[in-house]
Amino acid sequence: MFDNPEKLFIILIIALFIFGPQKLIGLGGAMGRAIRDFRSAVRDAQEQFSAAATEVHEEVHKTEDAFSSTEPAALPAPEPVTPAFPTTDGAAPAAATAEPHTAGDSDLEGPHSLASEPSSQTVLESLQRKE
């Protein structure tokens, strides 16, 4: 736009004729303050952005370190399963001698758990009654 100083000089002379010497000095001061305020606002925004980015970066590394330092929890051993039907030799199944369900295992019981389902013996009896 201002590839040579003559164009800038001509524009300054036209501004001097339009605004006068006193207002031109006041306009220059106001423009200087506006530019200074704009630069400080941009600098503050950059500092806030870099501080937020550093905080997020540190938080991400903290969570990555937390996940990488802990080993996955081991799954509990499954409970022994009793067979639904008696064995062919008539002996009691080996799992029948295991401990019964305790009250501490209430998290395994509920309306959607297998513990609330009827036993296979009950289902067979109800089917035989219907026939």
Protein backbone atom coordinates (compact mmCIF):
# COMPACT_ATOMS: atom_id res chain seq x y z
CA MET A 1 0.00 0.00 0.00
CA PHE A 2 2.74 2.44 1.02
CA ASP A 3 5.52 1.30 -1.27
CA ASN A 4 7.18 4.69 -1.21
CA PRO A 5 7.31 7.46 1.41
CA GLU A 6 5.82 10.12 -0.90
CA LYS A 7 2.36 8.51 -0.74
CA LEU A 8 2.47 8.43 3.06
CA PHE A 9 3.57 12.06 3.18
CA ILE A 10 0.70 13.15 0.91
CA ILE A 11 -1.84 11.31 3.08
CA LEU A 12 -0.46 12.98 6.24
CA ILE A 13 -0.75 16.46 4.63
CA ILE A 14 -4.36 15.78 3.61
CA ALA A 15 -5.15 14.60 7.18
CA LEU A 16 -3.51 17.76 8.57
CA PHE A 17 -5.76 19.96 6.38
CA ILE A 18 -8.91 18.00 7.33
CA PHE A 19 -8.42 17.67 11.11
CA GLY A 20 -6.08 20.51 11.95
CA PRO A 21 -2.80 20.35 13.90
CA GLN A 22 -4.35 20.05 17.42
CA LYS A 23 -6.78 17.24 16.59
CA LEU A 24 -4.15 15.41 14.58
CA ILE A 25 -1.89 15.24 17.66
CA GLY A 26 -4.82 13.97 19.79
CA LEU A 27 -5.77 11.39 17.13
CA GLY A 28 -2.18 10.14 16.98
CA GLY A 29 -2.08 9.73 20.77
CA ALA A 30 -5.44 7.93 20.78
CA MET A 31 -4.28 5.61 18.00
CA GLY A 32 -1.06 4.88 19.90
CA ARG A 33 -3.01 4.00 23.07
CA ALA A 34 -5.41 1.82 21.08
CA ILE A 35 -2.54 -0.07 19.45
CA ARG A 36 -0.81 -0.51 22.82
CA ASP A 37 -4.04 -1.80 24.44
CA PHE A 38 -4.61 -4.18 21.54
CA ARG A 39 -1.09 -5.59 21.79
CA SER A 40 -1.40 -6.09 25.56
CA ALA A 41 -4.77 -7.84 25.10
CA VAL A 42 -3.26 -10.16 22.50
CA ARG A 43 -0.28 -10.86 24.76
CA ASP A 44 -2.59 -11.66 27.71
CA ALA A 45 -4.70 -13.98 25.55
CA GLN A 46 -1.57 -15.80 24.37
CA GLU A 47 -0.35 -16.22 27.97
CA GLN A 48 -3.73 -17.56 29.12
CA PHE A 49 -3.87 -19.96 26.18
CA SER A 50 -0.37 -21.29 26.79
CA ALA A 51 -1.08 -21.65 30.54
CA ALA A 52 -4.27 -23.61 29.82
CA ALA A 53 -2.47 -25.78 27.26
CA THR A 54 0.31 -26.51 29.75
CA GLU A 55 -2.24 -27.42 32.43
CA VAL A 56 -4.09 -29.79 30.10
CA HIS A 57 -0.80 -31.31 28.95
CA GLU A 58 0.27 -31.96 32.55
CA GLU A 59 -3.12 -33.45 33.43
CA VAL A 60 -2.99 -35.80 30.44
CA HIS A 61 0.48 -36.98 31.42
CA LYS A 62 -0.68 -37.46 35.03
CA THR A 63 -3.55 -39.73 33.94
CA GLU A 64 -1.31 -41.61 31.51
CA ASP A 65 1.22 -42.19 34.30
CA ALA A 66 -1.55 -43.33 36.65
CA PHE A 67 -2.83 -45.86 34.12
CA SER A 68 0.59 -47.12 33.13
CA SER A 69 1.87 -47.57 36.70
CA THR A 70 -1.01 -49.68 37.99
CA GLU A 71 -1.47 -53.26 36.95
CA PRO A 72 -4.93 -54.43 36.00
CA ALA A 73 -6.93 -55.95 38.82
CA ALA A 74 -7.21 -59.73 38.81
CA LEU A 75 -10.63 -61.20 38.33
CA PRO A 76 -12.05 -63.23 41.24
CA ALA A 77 -12.02 -67.00 40.93
CA PRO A 78 -15.31 -68.38 39.61
CA GLU A 79 -17.57 -70.25 41.99
CA PRO A 80 -17.97 -73.99 41.43
CA VAL A 81 -20.96 -74.93 39.31
CA THR A 82 -23.28 -77.74 40.37
CA PRO A 83 -24.59 -79.91 37.56
CA ALA A 84 -28.29 -79.52 36.76
CA PHE A 85 -28.88 -83.27 36.62
CA PRO A 86 -27.63 -86.00 38.99
CA THR A 87 -24.69 -88.08 37.87
CA THR A 88 -25.30 -91.41 36.12
CA ASP A 89 -23.90 -93.50 38.95
CA GLY A 90 -26.40 -91.99 41.42
CA ALA A 91 -23.75 -90.38 43.60
CA ALA A 92 -24.11 -86.80 44.75
CA PRO A 93 -22.18 -84.33 42.61
CA ALA A 94 -18.85 -83.18 44.03
CA ALA A 95 -19.89 -79.53 43.97
CA ALA A 96 -22.92 -80.24 46.16
CA THR A 97 -20.63 -80.49 49.14
CA ALA A 98 -19.33 -76.94 48.59
CA GLU A 99 -20.32 -74.07 50.88
CA PRO A 100 -23.78 -72.60 50.29
CA HIS A 101 -24.25 -69.05 49.06
CA THR A 102 -23.53 -66.55 51.83
CA ALA A 103 -25.26 -63.27 52.58
CA GLY A 104 -22.08 -61.39 51.60
CA ASP A 105 -22.61 -62.40 47.98
CA SER A 106 -25.78 -60.34 47.68
CA ASP A 107 -24.30 -58.45 44.75
CA LEU A 108 -24.70 -61.64 42.70
CA GLU A 109 -28.39 -61.85 43.51
CA GLY A 110 -31.10 -59.66 42.13
CA PRO A 111 -33.96 -59.60 39.64
CA HIS A 112 -31.61 -59.94 36.65
CA SER A 113 -29.15 -62.47 38.05
CA LEU A 114 -29.09 -66.19 37.41
CA ALA A 115 -29.60 -66.79 41.11
CA SER A 116 -33.18 -65.52 40.80
CA GLU A 117 -33.98 -67.98 37.98
CA PRO A 118 -35.83 -71.21 38.89
CA SER A 119 -33.73 -74.33 39.14
CA SER A 120 -33.71 -76.86 36.36
CA GLN A 121 -35.48 -79.38 38.59
CA THR A 122 -38.36 -76.93 39.11
CA VAL A 123 -38.62 -76.31 35.38
CA LEU A 124 -38.70 -80.07 34.62
CA GLU A 125 -41.43 -80.64 37.22
CA SER A 126 -43.57 -77.83 35.82
CA LEU A 127 -43.19 -79.23 32.29
CA GLN A 128 -44.20 -82.72 33.43
CA ARG A 129 -47.31 -81.31 35.17
CA LYS A 130 -48.41 -79.58 31.96
CA GLU A 131 -48.22 -82.82 29.93
